[in-house]
Amino acid sequence: MKNKWNNRVTQILGSQYPIMLGAMQGIGKSTLAASVSEAGGFGIITAHCFRKPEKLRNDIRKAKSMTSKPFGVNFSIGLVRDMDAMLDVALDEGIKVIETSVMPGKEYLPKIREAGAKWIHKVACVEHALSTERQGADAVIIVGMEGIGFKHVSQLPTLIGVTWAVEQMKIPVIAAGGIGNGRTVAAALGMGAEGICMGTMFVATDECPVGKRHKRSLVDAKPSDPLFRNQALNPPDMSVFEEVMKDRGNMSMEEWLKRLEKVMLQQSPDKPYEAQEMAGGSLAVGFIDGIVPVKELIDTIVSDTEEILLNQIPNQFSSIYKM
């Protein structure tokens, strides 16, 4: 058994390693979440996968039957239907880490605190991370441009965004975006992050409920492929972004957020919304060498990170620095 890591993030999560599963629309359910927690990471059930509170409750209970280790629930605010009832279900089921994303989650903090749970918020830019800290979050996830998902016009690459945020913040920072092996985890820790969050890497695992064809496409992909590179690194068109921002308040929040997300992913806001269009991956696809069990993925990343931090870096440093 590998050593248990101990820092502020593992203390918040209650996990063996500060490795979180990213929230994923459609596939972030109990089977994958429980597998990540059982392997020493921290699984996340994505509430947006469920239309009714009782379906979320059933999935939480299913995860509990698969692992005795802690896991959390993500709430994409504005996209989750019946948000208050959904949050009540999670807290009633004893979930001790609530992750929010997309829109600010401050209004739900009193309820989270009353239940004795922790609040982690996911953001795409440093300005929002600083605001989240002021609002009372226990930790913040900062997603760099290299990640897949909801973008922001102020988003920075993971290296710059995380490092800049750590220098200004007191609460723990969890890095996300382009992280997928021991070298990138070691780099994130070197930036000052106290944990990492991965999504794409867990898609290419045995336990992830997506088709083998999609998993194989991630194995065969390269970060330089336009499908991944352009979606990750091209900033949204500001003129289109401003037009969509004007529409806020003229339609339901759910409809508006879907339009905004398509703009952030450089897709036409007027094209019919289809979940499969959001499928893809972060630039971490370059680290996917095969389809493996979740435990093997986590064990490999942890072993490689420990080897780099405990042996490779000290040896490299001592070879160039002479007293």
C-alpha atoms as a PDB file:
ATOM      1  CA  MET A   1       0.000   0.000   0.000  1.00  0.00           C
ATOM      2  CA  LYS A   2       1.313   3.404  -0.947  1.00  0.00           C
ATOM      3  CA  ASN A   3       1.777   6.165   1.581  1.00  0.00           C
ATOM      4  CA  LYS A   4      -1.141   8.397   2.476  1.00  0.00           C
ATOM      5  CA  TRP A   5      -0.481  11.956   1.407  1.00  0.00           C
ATOM      6  CA  ASN A   6      -1.350  14.647   3.934  1.00  0.00           C
ATOM      7  CA  ASN A   7      -2.043  18.273   3.164  1.00  0.00           C
ATOM      8  CA  ARG A   8      -4.930  20.707   3.431  1.00  0.00           C
ATOM      9  CA  VAL A   9      -6.729  19.231   0.421  1.00  0.00           C
ATOM     10  CA  THR A  10      -6.605  15.624   1.646  1.00  0.00           C
ATOM     11  CA  GLN A  11      -7.818  16.880   5.016  1.00  0.00           C
ATOM     12  CA  ILE A  12     -10.791  18.606   3.369  1.00  0.00           C
ATOM     13  CA  LEU A  13     -11.606  15.660   1.119  1.00  0.00           C
ATOM     14  CA  GLY A  14     -10.757  12.845   3.516  1.00  0.00           C
ATOM     15  CA  SER A  15      -9.040  11.016   0.658  1.00  0.00           C
ATOM     16  CA  GLN A  16      -5.722   9.209   0.462  1.00  0.00           C
ATOM     17  CA  TYR A  17      -4.488  11.415  -2.375  1.00  0.00           C
ATOM     18  CA  PRO A  18      -5.443  14.983  -3.396  1.00  0.00           C
ATOM     19  CA  ILE A  19      -6.679  13.747  -6.784  1.00  0.00           C
ATOM     20  CA  MET A  20     -10.245  14.739  -7.671  1.00  0.00           C
ATOM     21  CA  LEU A  21     -12.514  13.451 -10.395  1.00  0.00           C
ATOM     22  CA  GLY A  22     -13.778  16.305 -12.520  1.00  0.00           C
ATOM     23  CA  ALA A  23     -17.525  16.767 -12.899  1.00  0.00           C
ATOM     24  CA  MET A  24     -18.736  15.368 -16.214  1.00  0.00           C
ATOM     25  CA  GLN A  25     -22.120  15.857 -17.805  1.00  0.00           C
ATOM     26  CA  GLY A  26     -23.888  12.602 -18.572  1.00  0.00           C
ATOM     27  CA  ILE A  27     -21.208  10.247 -17.234  1.00  0.00           C
ATOM     28  CA  GLY A  28     -20.303  11.589 -13.774  1.00  0.00           C
ATOM     29  CA  LYS A  29     -22.278   8.973 -11.897  1.00  0.00           C
ATOM     30  CA  SER A  30     -21.763   6.511  -9.051  1.00  0.00           C
ATOM     31  CA  THR A  31     -19.805   3.830 -10.904  1.00  0.00           C
ATOM     32  CA  LEU A  32     -16.983   6.166 -11.893  1.00  0.00           C
ATOM     33  CA  ALA A  33     -17.089   8.265  -8.708  1.00  0.00           C
ATOM     34  CA  ALA A  34     -16.942   5.237  -6.407  1.00  0.00           C
ATOM     35  CA  SER A  35     -14.078   3.729  -8.416  1.00  0.00           C
ATOM     36  CA  VAL A  36     -12.003   6.901  -8.040  1.00  0.00           C
ATOM     37  CA  SER A  37     -12.636   7.079  -4.285  1.00  0.00           C
ATOM     38  CA  GLU A  38     -11.946   3.375  -3.798  1.00  0.00           C
ATOM     39  CA  ALA A  39      -8.594   3.829  -5.578  1.00  0.00           C
ATOM     40  CA  GLY A  40      -7.532   6.583  -3.150  1.00  0.00           C
ATOM     41  CA  GLY A  41      -8.706   9.633  -5.080  1.00  0.00           C
ATOM     42  CA  PHE A  42     -11.865  11.641  -4.507  1.00  0.00           C
ATOM     43  CA  GLY A  43     -14.864  10.767  -6.650  1.00  0.00           C
ATOM     44  CA  ILE A  44     -17.461  13.309  -7.701  1.00  0.00           C
ATOM     45  CA  ILE A  45     -21.054  12.589  -8.666  1.00  0.00           C
ATOM     46  CA  THR A  46     -22.364  15.211 -11.090  1.00  0.00           C
ATOM     47  CA  ALA A  47     -25.842  16.306 -10.021  1.00  0.00           C
ATOM     48  CA  HIS A  48     -26.577  17.640 -13.509  1.00  0.00           C
ATOM     49  CA  CYS A  49     -26.757  14.005 -14.699  1.00  0.00           C
ATOM     50  CA  PHE A  50     -30.078  13.659 -12.880  1.00  0.00           C
ATOM     51  CA  ARG A  51     -33.360  15.432 -13.487  1.00  0.00           C
ATOM     52  CA  LYS A  52     -34.979  14.597 -10.158  1.00  0.00           C
ATOM     53  CA  PRO A  53     -33.701  14.715  -6.561  1.00  0.00           C
ATOM     54  CA  GLU A  54     -34.671  11.115  -5.850  1.00  0.00           C
ATOM     55  CA  LYS A  55     -32.594   9.905  -8.790  1.00  0.00           C
ATOM     56  CA  LEU A  56     -29.601  11.717  -7.324  1.00  0.00           C
ATOM     57  CA  ARG A  57     -30.351  10.144  -3.938  1.00  0.00           C
ATOM     58  CA  ASN A  58     -30.449   6.686  -5.500  1.00  0.00           C
ATOM     59  CA  ASP A  59     -27.110   7.221  -7.211  1.00  0.00           C
ATOM     60  CA  ILE A  60     -25.478   8.483  -4.011  1.00  0.00           C
ATOM     61  CA  ARG A  61     -26.703   5.382  -2.237  1.00  0.00           C
ATOM     62  CA  LYS A  62     -25.416   3.204  -5.054  1.00  0.00           C
ATOM     63  CA  ALA A  63     -21.975   4.797  -4.675  1.00  0.00           C
ATOM     64  CA  LYS A  64     -22.096   4.143  -0.925  1.00  0.00           C
ATOM     65  CA  SER A  65     -22.738   0.471  -1.649  1.00  0.00           C
ATOM     66  CA  MET A  66     -19.605   0.387  -3.819  1.00  0.00           C
ATOM     67  CA  THR A  67     -17.172   2.170  -1.490  1.00  0.00           C
ATOM     68  CA  SER A  68     -16.898   3.161   2.149  1.00  0.00           C
ATOM     69  CA  LYS A  69     -14.545   5.994   1.225  1.00  0.00           C
ATOM     70  CA  PRO A  70     -15.730   9.604   0.909  1.00  0.00           C
ATOM     71  CA  PHE A  71     -16.922  11.190  -2.312  1.00  0.00           C
ATOM     72  CA  GLY A  72     -18.589  14.482  -3.169  1.00  0.00           C
ATOM     73  CA  VAL A  73     -21.292  15.938  -5.389  1.00  0.00           C
ATOM     74  CA  ASN A  74     -20.888  18.662  -7.999  1.00  0.00           C
ATOM     75  CA  PHE A  75     -23.610  21.220  -8.684  1.00  0.00           C
ATOM     76  CA  SER A  76     -23.351  23.222 -11.921  1.00  0.00           C
ATOM     77  CA  ILE A  77     -25.402  26.156 -10.701  1.00  0.00           C
ATOM     78  CA  GLY A  78     -27.910  27.320 -13.276  1.00  0.00           C
ATOM     79  CA  LEU A  79     -27.916  23.972 -15.037  1.00  0.00           C
ATOM     80  CA  VAL A  80     -29.036  21.740 -12.162  1.00  0.00           C
ATOM     81  CA  ARG A  81     -32.809  21.560 -11.995  1.00  0.00           C
ATOM     82  CA  ASP A  82     -34.423  22.084  -8.570  1.00  0.00           C
ATOM     83  CA  MET A  83     -31.083  23.115  -7.086  1.00  0.00           C
ATOM     84  CA  ASP A  84     -32.285  23.504  -3.498  1.00  0.00           C
ATOM     85  CA  ALA A  85     -33.915  20.086  -3.387  1.00  0.00           C
ATOM     86  CA  MET A  86     -30.882  18.484  -5.046  1.00  0.00           C
ATOM     87  CA  LEU A  87     -28.532  20.048  -2.488  1.00  0.00           C
ATOM     88  CA  ASP A  88     -30.827  18.961   0.349  1.00  0.00           C
ATOM     89  CA  VAL A  89     -30.611  15.375  -0.902  1.00  0.00           C
ATOM     90  CA  ALA A  90     -26.805  15.411  -0.998  1.00  0.00           C
ATOM     91  CA  LEU A  91     -26.505  16.871   2.489  1.00  0.00           C
ATOM     92  CA  ASP A  92     -29.219  14.591   3.861  1.00  0.00           C
ATOM     93  CA  GLU A  93     -27.257  11.614   2.510  1.00  0.00           C
ATOM     94  CA  GLY A  94     -24.204  12.745   4.456  1.00  0.00           C
ATOM     95  CA  ILE A  95     -22.107  14.175   1.627  1.00  0.00           C
ATOM     96  CA  LYS A  96     -19.358  16.215   3.304  1.00  0.00           C
ATOM     97  CA  VAL A  97     -17.850  17.958   0.267  1.00  0.00           C
ATOM     98  CA  ILE A  98     -20.026  20.047  -2.032  1.00  0.00           C
ATOM     99  CA  GLU A  99     -18.441  21.297  -5.245  1.00  0.00           C
ATOM    100  CA  THR A 100     -20.113  24.097  -7.185  1.00  0.00           C
ATOM    101  CA  SER A 101     -19.302  25.478 -10.615  1.00  0.00           C
ATOM    102  CA  VAL A 102     -20.484  27.687 -13.512  1.00  0.00           C
ATOM    103  CA  MET A 103     -22.207  30.339 -11.359  1.00  0.00           C
ATOM    104  CA  PRO A 104     -21.285  31.627  -7.849  1.00  0.00           C
ATOM    105  CA  GLY A 105     -22.377  29.321  -5.028  1.00  0.00           C
ATOM    106  CA  LYS A 106     -22.209  31.682  -2.057  1.00  0.00           C
ATOM    107  CA  GLU A 107     -25.976  31.644  -1.436  1.00  0.00           C
ATOM    108  CA  TYR A 108     -25.798  27.934  -0.616  1.00  0.00           C
ATOM    109  CA  LEU A 109     -22.959  28.252   1.897  1.00  0.00           C
ATOM    110  CA  PRO A 110     -25.153  28.645   5.034  1.00  0.00           C
ATOM    111  CA  LYS A 111     -26.946  25.390   4.233  1.00  0.00           C
ATOM    112  CA  ILE A 112     -23.627  23.637   3.525  1.00  0.00           C
ATOM    113  CA  ARG A 113     -22.128  24.882   6.786  1.00  0.00           C
ATOM    114  CA  GLU A 114     -25.216  23.925   8.784  1.00  0.00           C
ATOM    115  CA  ALA A 115     -24.752  20.346   7.556  1.00  0.00           C
ATOM    116  CA  GLY A 116     -21.087  20.371   8.590  1.00  0.00           C
ATOM    117  CA  ALA A 117     -19.884  20.059   4.992  1.00  0.00           C
ATOM    118  CA  LYS A 118     -17.060  21.735   3.069  1.00  0.00           C
ATOM    119  CA  TRP A 119     -17.509  23.977   0.039  1.00  0.00           C
ATOM    120  CA  ILE A 120     -15.190  23.860  -2.994  1.00  0.00           C
ATOM    121  CA  HIS A 121     -15.890  26.087  -5.980  1.00  0.00           C
ATOM    122  CA  LYS A 122     -14.521  25.605  -9.488  1.00  0.00           C
ATOM    123  CA  VAL A 123     -13.542  28.653 -11.537  1.00  0.00           C
ATOM    124  CA  ALA A 124     -11.901  29.419 -14.844  1.00  0.00           C
ATOM    125  CA  CYS A 125     -10.046  32.628 -13.974  1.00  0.00           C
ATOM    126  CA  VAL A 126      -7.995  34.007 -11.102  1.00  0.00           C
ATOM    127  CA  GLU A 127     -10.328  36.936 -10.458  1.00  0.00           C
ATOM    128  CA  HIS A 128     -13.164  34.522  -9.707  1.00  0.00           C
ATOM    129  CA  ALA A 129     -10.877  32.431  -7.488  1.00  0.00           C
ATOM    130  CA  LEU A 130     -10.106  35.474  -5.357  1.00  0.00           C
ATOM    131  CA  SER A 131     -13.800  36.331  -5.149  1.00  0.00           C
ATOM    132  CA  THR A 132     -14.594  32.747  -4.113  1.00  0.00           C
ATOM    133  CA  GLU A 133     -12.049  32.965  -1.305  1.00  0.00           C
ATOM    134  CA  ARG A 134     -13.677  36.161  -0.022  1.00  0.00           C
ATOM    135  CA  GLN A 135     -17.058  34.418  -0.068  1.00  0.00           C
ATOM    136  CA  GLY A 136     -15.823  31.760   2.352  1.00  0.00           C
ATOM    137  CA  ALA A 137     -14.952  28.718   0.251  1.00  0.00           C
ATOM    138  CA  ASP A 138     -12.739  26.049   1.827  1.00  0.00           C
ATOM    139  CA  ALA A 139     -10.786  25.510  -1.411  1.00  0.00           C
ATOM    140  CA  VAL A 140     -10.952  26.510  -5.047  1.00  0.00           C
ATOM    141  CA  ILE A 141     -10.359  24.587  -8.266  1.00  0.00           C
ATOM    142  CA  ILE A 142      -8.782  26.687 -11.020  1.00  0.00           C
ATOM    143  CA  VAL A 143      -9.164  25.277 -14.523  1.00  0.00           C
ATOM    144  CA  GLY A 144      -6.546  26.437 -17.010  1.00  0.00           C
ATOM    145  CA  MET A 145      -7.158  26.862 -20.720  1.00  0.00           C
ATOM    146  CA  GLU A 146      -5.791  23.371 -21.327  1.00  0.00           C
ATOM    147  CA  GLY A 147      -8.924  21.879 -19.768  1.00  0.00           C
ATOM    148  CA  ILE A 148     -12.165  20.966 -21.482  1.00  0.00           C
ATOM    149  CA  GLY A 149     -15.483  22.520 -20.553  1.00  0.00           C
ATOM    150  CA  PHE A 150     -16.832  25.931 -19.659  1.00  0.00           C
ATOM    151  CA  LYS A 151     -14.388  28.638 -20.740  1.00  0.00           C
ATOM    152  CA  HIS A 152     -13.998  32.271 -19.749  1.00  0.00           C
ATOM    153  CA  VAL A 153     -12.595  35.214 -21.660  1.00  0.00           C
ATOM    154  CA  SER A 154     -10.142  35.903 -18.799  1.00  0.00           C
ATOM    155  CA  GLN A 155      -8.896  32.315 -18.548  1.00  0.00           C
ATOM    156  CA  LEU A 156      -5.137  31.711 -18.444  1.00  0.00           C
ATOM    157  CA  PRO A 157      -2.977  28.634 -19.056  1.00  0.00           C
ATOM    158  CA  THR A 158      -2.760  26.349 -16.019  1.00  0.00           C
ATOM    159  CA  LEU A 159       0.896  27.208 -15.311  1.00  0.00           C
ATOM    160  CA  ILE A 160       0.251  30.946 -15.143  1.00  0.00           C
ATOM    161  CA  GLY A 161      -3.212  30.954 -13.600  1.00  0.00           C
ATOM    162  CA  VAL A 162      -2.507  28.554 -10.756  1.00  0.00           C
ATOM    163  CA  THR A 163       0.864  30.076  -9.869  1.00  0.00           C
ATOM    164  CA  TRP A 164      -0.516  33.610  -9.921  1.00  0.00           C
ATOM    165  CA  ALA A 165      -3.489  32.609  -7.767  1.00  0.00           C
ATOM    166  CA  VAL A 166      -1.407  30.748  -5.171  1.00  0.00           C
ATOM    167  CA  GLU A 167       0.712  33.837  -4.614  1.00  0.00           C
ATOM    168  CA  GLN A 168      -2.415  35.808  -3.672  1.00  0.00           C
ATOM    169  CA  MET A 169      -4.585  33.287  -1.834  1.00  0.00           C
ATOM    170  CA  LYS A 170      -4.657  31.690   1.610  1.00  0.00           C
ATOM    171  CA  ILE A 171      -7.094  28.824   0.959  1.00  0.00           C
ATOM    172  CA  PRO A 172      -5.878  25.713  -0.903  1.00  0.00           C
ATOM    173  CA  VAL A 173      -5.805  25.793  -4.692  1.00  0.00           C
ATOM    174  CA  ILE A 174      -6.557  22.681  -6.739  1.00  0.00           C
ATOM    175  CA  ALA A 175      -5.148  22.725 -10.265  1.00  0.00           C
ATOM    176  CA  ALA A 176      -7.003  21.473 -13.338  1.00  0.00           C
ATOM    177  CA  GLY A 177      -6.465  21.618 -17.070  1.00  0.00           C
ATOM    178  CA  GLY A 178      -3.969  19.501 -19.003  1.00  0.00           C
ATOM    179  CA  ILE A 179      -2.952  17.417 -15.976  1.00  0.00           C
ATOM    180  CA  GLY A 180      -2.689  13.689 -16.558  1.00  0.00           C
ATOM    181  CA  ASN A 181       0.556  12.078 -15.403  1.00  0.00           C
ATOM    182  CA  GLY A 182       3.212  12.203 -12.700  1.00  0.00           C
ATOM    183  CA  ARG A 183       5.152  15.022 -14.323  1.00  0.00           C
ATOM    184  CA  THR A 184       2.112  17.297 -14.570  1.00  0.00           C
ATOM    185  CA  VAL A 185       1.018  16.500 -11.006  1.00  0.00           C
ATOM    186  CA  ALA A 186       4.535  17.256  -9.756  1.00  0.00           C
ATOM    187  CA  ALA A 187       4.452  20.479 -11.766  1.00  0.00           C
ATOM    188  CA  ALA A 188       1.112  21.465 -10.216  1.00  0.00           C
ATOM    189  CA  LEU A 189       2.530  20.899  -6.734  1.00  0.00           C
ATOM    190  CA  GLY A 190       5.546  22.949  -7.738  1.00  0.00           C
ATOM    191  CA  MET A 191       3.227  25.799  -8.725  1.00  0.00           C
ATOM    192  CA  GLY A 192       1.859  25.737  -5.194  1.00  0.00           C
ATOM    193  CA  ALA A 193      -1.360  23.804  -5.812  1.00  0.00           C
ATOM    194  CA  GLU A 194      -2.244  21.333  -3.065  1.00  0.00           C
ATOM    195  CA  GLY A 195      -4.295  19.028  -5.247  1.00  0.00           C
ATOM    196  CA  ILE A 196      -5.294  18.300  -8.817  1.00  0.00           C
ATOM    197  CA  CYS A 197      -8.554  17.650 -10.637  1.00  0.00           C
ATOM    198  CA  MET A 198      -8.764  15.469 -13.770  1.00  0.00           C
ATOM    199  CA  GLY A 199     -11.599  14.697 -16.143  1.00  0.00           C
ATOM    200  CA  THR A 200     -10.340  13.499 -19.512  1.00  0.00           C
ATOM    201  CA  MET A 201      -7.907  10.977 -18.044  1.00  0.00           C
ATOM    202  CA  PHE A 202     -10.740   9.204 -16.229  1.00  0.00           C
ATOM    203  CA  VAL A 203     -12.804   8.970 -19.416  1.00  0.00           C
ATOM    204  CA  ALA A 204     -10.267   6.504 -20.822  1.00  0.00           C
ATOM    205  CA  THR A 205     -10.748   4.020 -17.965  1.00  0.00           C
ATOM    206  CA  ASP A 206     -12.592   0.721 -17.809  1.00  0.00           C
ATOM    207  CA  GLU A 207     -15.144   2.072 -15.351  1.00  0.00           C
ATOM    208  CA  CYS A 208     -16.171   5.141 -17.349  1.00  0.00           C
ATOM    209  CA  PRO A 209     -19.605   4.570 -18.971  1.00  0.00           C
ATOM    210  CA  VAL A 210     -18.771   5.774 -22.471  1.00  0.00           C
ATOM    211  CA  GLY A 211     -18.309   3.689 -25.591  1.00  0.00           C
ATOM    212  CA  LYS A 212     -15.036   1.990 -26.429  1.00  0.00           C
ATOM    213  CA  ARG A 213     -14.912   3.899 -29.695  1.00  0.00           C
ATOM    214  CA  HIS A 214     -14.787   7.232 -27.872  1.00  0.00           C
ATOM    215  CA  LYS A 215     -12.211   5.941 -25.412  1.00  0.00           C
ATOM    216  CA  ARG A 216     -10.066   4.683 -28.288  1.00  0.00           C
ATOM    217  CA  SER A 217     -10.306   8.109 -29.972  1.00  0.00           C
ATOM    218  CA  LEU A 218      -8.722   9.635 -26.854  1.00  0.00           C
ATOM    219  CA  VAL A 219      -5.938   7.053 -26.872  1.00  0.00           C
ATOM    220  CA  ASP A 220      -5.178   7.868 -30.502  1.00  0.00           C
ATOM    221  CA  ALA A 221      -5.473  11.656 -30.084  1.00  0.00           C
ATOM    222  CA  LYS A 222      -2.630  14.154 -29.818  1.00  0.00           C
ATOM    223  CA  PRO A 223      -2.727  17.533 -28.031  1.00  0.00           C
ATOM    224  CA  SER A 224      -1.733  19.142 -31.333  1.00  0.00           C
ATOM    225  CA  ASP A 225      -4.905  17.877 -33.041  1.00  0.00           C
ATOM    226  CA  PRO A 226      -7.020  20.919 -33.998  1.00  0.00           C
ATOM    227  CA  LEU A 227     -10.057  19.305 -32.307  1.00  0.00           C
ATOM    228  CA  PHE A 228      -8.351  19.662 -28.937  1.00  0.00           C
ATOM    229  CA  ARG A 229      -5.825  22.454 -29.435  1.00  0.00           C
ATOM    230  CA  ASN A 230      -8.170  24.994 -30.995  1.00  0.00           C
ATOM    231  CA  GLN A 231     -11.031  24.345 -28.604  1.00  0.00           C
ATOM    232  CA  ALA A 232      -8.715  24.710 -25.610  1.00  0.00           C
ATOM    233  CA  LEU A 233      -6.438  27.561 -26.616  1.00  0.00           C
ATOM    234  CA  ASN A 234      -8.488  29.821 -28.888  1.00  0.00           C
ATOM    235  CA  PRO A 235     -10.162  32.608 -26.893  1.00  0.00           C
ATOM    236  CA  PRO A 236     -13.905  33.083 -27.480  1.00  0.00           C
ATOM    237  CA  ASP A 237     -14.990  35.688 -30.031  1.00  0.00           C
ATOM    238  CA  MET A 238     -15.591  38.796 -27.907  1.00  0.00           C
ATOM    239  CA  SER A 239     -18.286  40.226 -30.193  1.00  0.00           C
ATOM    240  CA  VAL A 240     -20.309  37.005 -30.036  1.00  0.00           C
ATOM    241  CA  PHE A 241     -19.674  36.780 -26.276  1.00  0.00           C
ATOM    242  CA  GLU A 242     -20.999  40.299 -25.723  1.00  0.00           C
ATOM    243  CA  GLU A 243     -24.132  39.562 -27.758  1.00  0.00           C
ATOM    244  CA  VAL A 244     -24.913  36.486 -25.690  1.00  0.00           C
ATOM    245  CA  MET A 245     -24.305  38.411 -22.464  1.00  0.00           C
ATOM    246  CA  LYS A 246     -26.996  40.892 -23.567  1.00  0.00           C
ATOM    247  CA  ASP A 247     -29.482  38.010 -23.747  1.00  0.00           C
ATOM    248  CA  ARG A 248     -29.160  37.229 -20.040  1.00  0.00           C
ATOM    249  CA  GLY A 249     -32.516  37.791 -18.414  1.00  0.00           C
ATOM    250  CA  ASN A 250     -34.393  37.365 -21.702  1.00  0.00           C
ATOM    251  CA  MET A 251     -34.607  33.565 -21.382  1.00  0.00           C
ATOM    252  CA  SER A 252     -34.351  30.860 -18.752  1.00  0.00           C
ATOM    253  CA  MET A 253     -31.015  30.541 -16.971  1.00  0.00           C
ATOM    254  CA  GLU A 254     -30.618  26.990 -18.267  1.00  0.00           C
ATOM    255  CA  GLU A 255     -31.141  28.038 -21.888  1.00  0.00           C
ATOM    256  CA  TRP A 256     -28.884  31.080 -21.537  1.00  0.00           C
ATOM    257  CA  LEU A 257     -26.048  29.076 -19.954  1.00  0.00           C
ATOM    258  CA  LYS A 258     -26.173  26.559 -22.787  1.00  0.00           C
ATOM    259  CA  ARG A 259     -25.833  29.398 -25.305  1.00  0.00           C
ATOM    260  CA  LEU A 260     -22.984  30.909 -23.285  1.00  0.00           C
ATOM    261  CA  GLU A 261     -21.183  27.573 -23.031  1.00  0.00           C
ATOM    262  CA  LYS A 262     -21.294  27.100 -26.796  1.00  0.00           C
ATOM    263  CA  VAL A 263     -19.753  30.549 -27.271  1.00  0.00           C
ATOM    264  CA  MET A 264     -17.011  29.721 -24.775  1.00  0.00           C
ATOM    265  CA  LEU A 265     -16.300  26.530 -26.743  1.00  0.00           C
ATOM    266  CA  GLN A 266     -16.188  28.482 -30.014  1.00  0.00           C
ATOM    267  CA  GLN A 267     -19.452  27.021 -31.308  1.00  0.00           C
ATOM    268  CA  SER A 268     -22.412  28.861 -32.762  1.00  0.00           C
ATOM    269  CA  PRO A 269     -24.877  29.811 -30.016  1.00  0.00           C
ATOM    270  CA  ASP A 270     -27.773  29.333 -32.471  1.00  0.00           C
ATOM    271  CA  LYS A 271     -26.857  25.773 -33.427  1.00  0.00           C
ATOM    272  CA  PRO A 272     -29.094  23.149 -31.711  1.00  0.00           C
ATOM    273  CA  TYR A 273     -27.596  22.083 -28.415  1.00  0.00           C
ATOM    274  CA  GLU A 274     -26.473  18.484 -28.291  1.00  0.00           C
ATOM    275  CA  ALA A 275     -24.541  17.036 -25.382  1.00  0.00           C
ATOM    276  CA  GLN A 276     -22.327  14.950 -27.621  1.00  0.00           C
ATOM    277  CA  GLU A 277     -20.952  18.100 -29.200  1.00  0.00           C
ATOM    278  CA  MET A 278     -19.333  18.845 -25.851  1.00  0.00           C
ATOM    279  CA  ALA A 279     -17.492  15.519 -25.928  1.00  0.00           C
ATOM    280  CA  GLY A 280     -13.796  15.781 -26.502  1.00  0.00           C
ATOM    281  CA  GLY A 281     -11.007  16.126 -24.052  1.00  0.00           C
ATOM    282  CA  SER A 282      -8.465  18.425 -22.529  1.00  0.00           C
ATOM    283  CA  LEU A 283      -4.906  18.702 -23.786  1.00  0.00           C
ATOM    284  CA  ALA A 284      -4.174  15.896 -21.313  1.00  0.00           C
ATOM    285  CA  VAL A 285      -5.087  13.493 -24.136  1.00  0.00           C
ATOM    286  CA  GLY A 286      -1.363  13.386 -24.845  1.00  0.00           C
ATOM    287  CA  PHE A 287      -0.895  11.331 -21.665  1.00  0.00           C
ATOM    288  CA  ILE A 288      -3.481   8.663 -22.480  1.00  0.00           C
ATOM    289  CA  ASP A 289      -1.592   5.555 -23.596  1.00  0.00           C
ATOM    290  CA  GLY A 290      -4.371   3.010 -23.182  1.00  0.00           C
ATOM    291  CA  ILE A 291      -7.657   2.148 -21.538  1.00  0.00           C
ATOM    292  CA  VAL A 292      -6.943   1.026 -17.978  1.00  0.00           C
ATOM    293  CA  PRO A 293      -8.776   0.508 -14.672  1.00  0.00           C
ATOM    294  CA  VAL A 294      -9.153   3.606 -12.504  1.00  0.00           C
ATOM    295  CA  LYS A 295      -6.952   2.101  -9.802  1.00  0.00           C
ATOM    296  CA  GLU A 296      -4.119   1.470 -12.246  1.00  0.00           C
ATOM    297  CA  LEU A 297      -4.333   5.053 -13.510  1.00  0.00           C
ATOM    298  CA  ILE A 298      -4.204   6.552 -10.005  1.00  0.00           C
ATOM    299  CA  ASP A 299      -1.494   4.162  -8.785  1.00  0.00           C
ATOM    300  CA  THR A 300       0.692   4.990 -11.795  1.00  0.00           C
ATOM    301  CA  ILE A 301       0.264   8.746 -11.421  1.00  0.00           C
ATOM    302  CA  VAL A 302       0.979   8.616  -7.685  1.00  0.00           C
ATOM    303  CA  SER A 303       4.062   6.391  -8.107  1.00  0.00           C
ATOM    304  CA  ASP A 304       5.450   8.562 -10.896  1.00  0.00           C
ATOM    305  CA  THR A 305       4.809  11.763  -8.924  1.00  0.00           C
ATOM    306  CA  GLU A 306       6.549  10.379  -5.841  1.00  0.00           C
ATOM    307  CA  GLU A 307       9.511   9.208  -7.935  1.00  0.00           C
ATOM    308  CA  ILE A 308       9.886  12.647  -9.502  1.00  0.00           C
ATOM    309  CA  LEU A 309       9.553  14.598  -6.262  1.00  0.00           C
ATOM    310  CA  LEU A 310      11.612  12.300  -4.051  1.00  0.00           C
ATOM    311  CA  ASN A 311      14.334  11.160  -6.447  1.00  0.00           C
ATOM    312  CA  GLN A 312      14.504  12.777  -9.868  1.00  0.00           C
ATOM    313  CA  ILE A 313      14.250  16.442  -8.874  1.00  0.00           C
ATOM    314  CA  PRO A 314      16.691  16.168  -5.913  1.00  0.00           C
ATOM    315  CA  ASN A 315      19.184  14.316  -8.102  1.00  0.00           C
ATOM    316  CA  GLN A 316      18.832  16.796 -10.961  1.00  0.00           C
ATOM    317  CA  PHE A 317      19.216  19.728  -8.593  1.00  0.00           C
ATOM    318  CA  SER A 318      22.255  18.295  -6.817  1.00  0.00           C
ATOM    319  CA  SER A 319      23.975  17.657 -10.167  1.00  0.00           C
ATOM    320  CA  ILE A 320      23.807  21.334 -11.145  1.00  0.00           C
ATOM    321  CA  TYR A 321      24.108  22.962  -7.722  1.00  0.00           C
ATOM    322  CA  LYS A 322      27.393  22.524  -5.932  1.00  0.00           C
ATOM    323  CA  MET A 323      27.985  23.885  -2.435  1.00  0.00           C
END
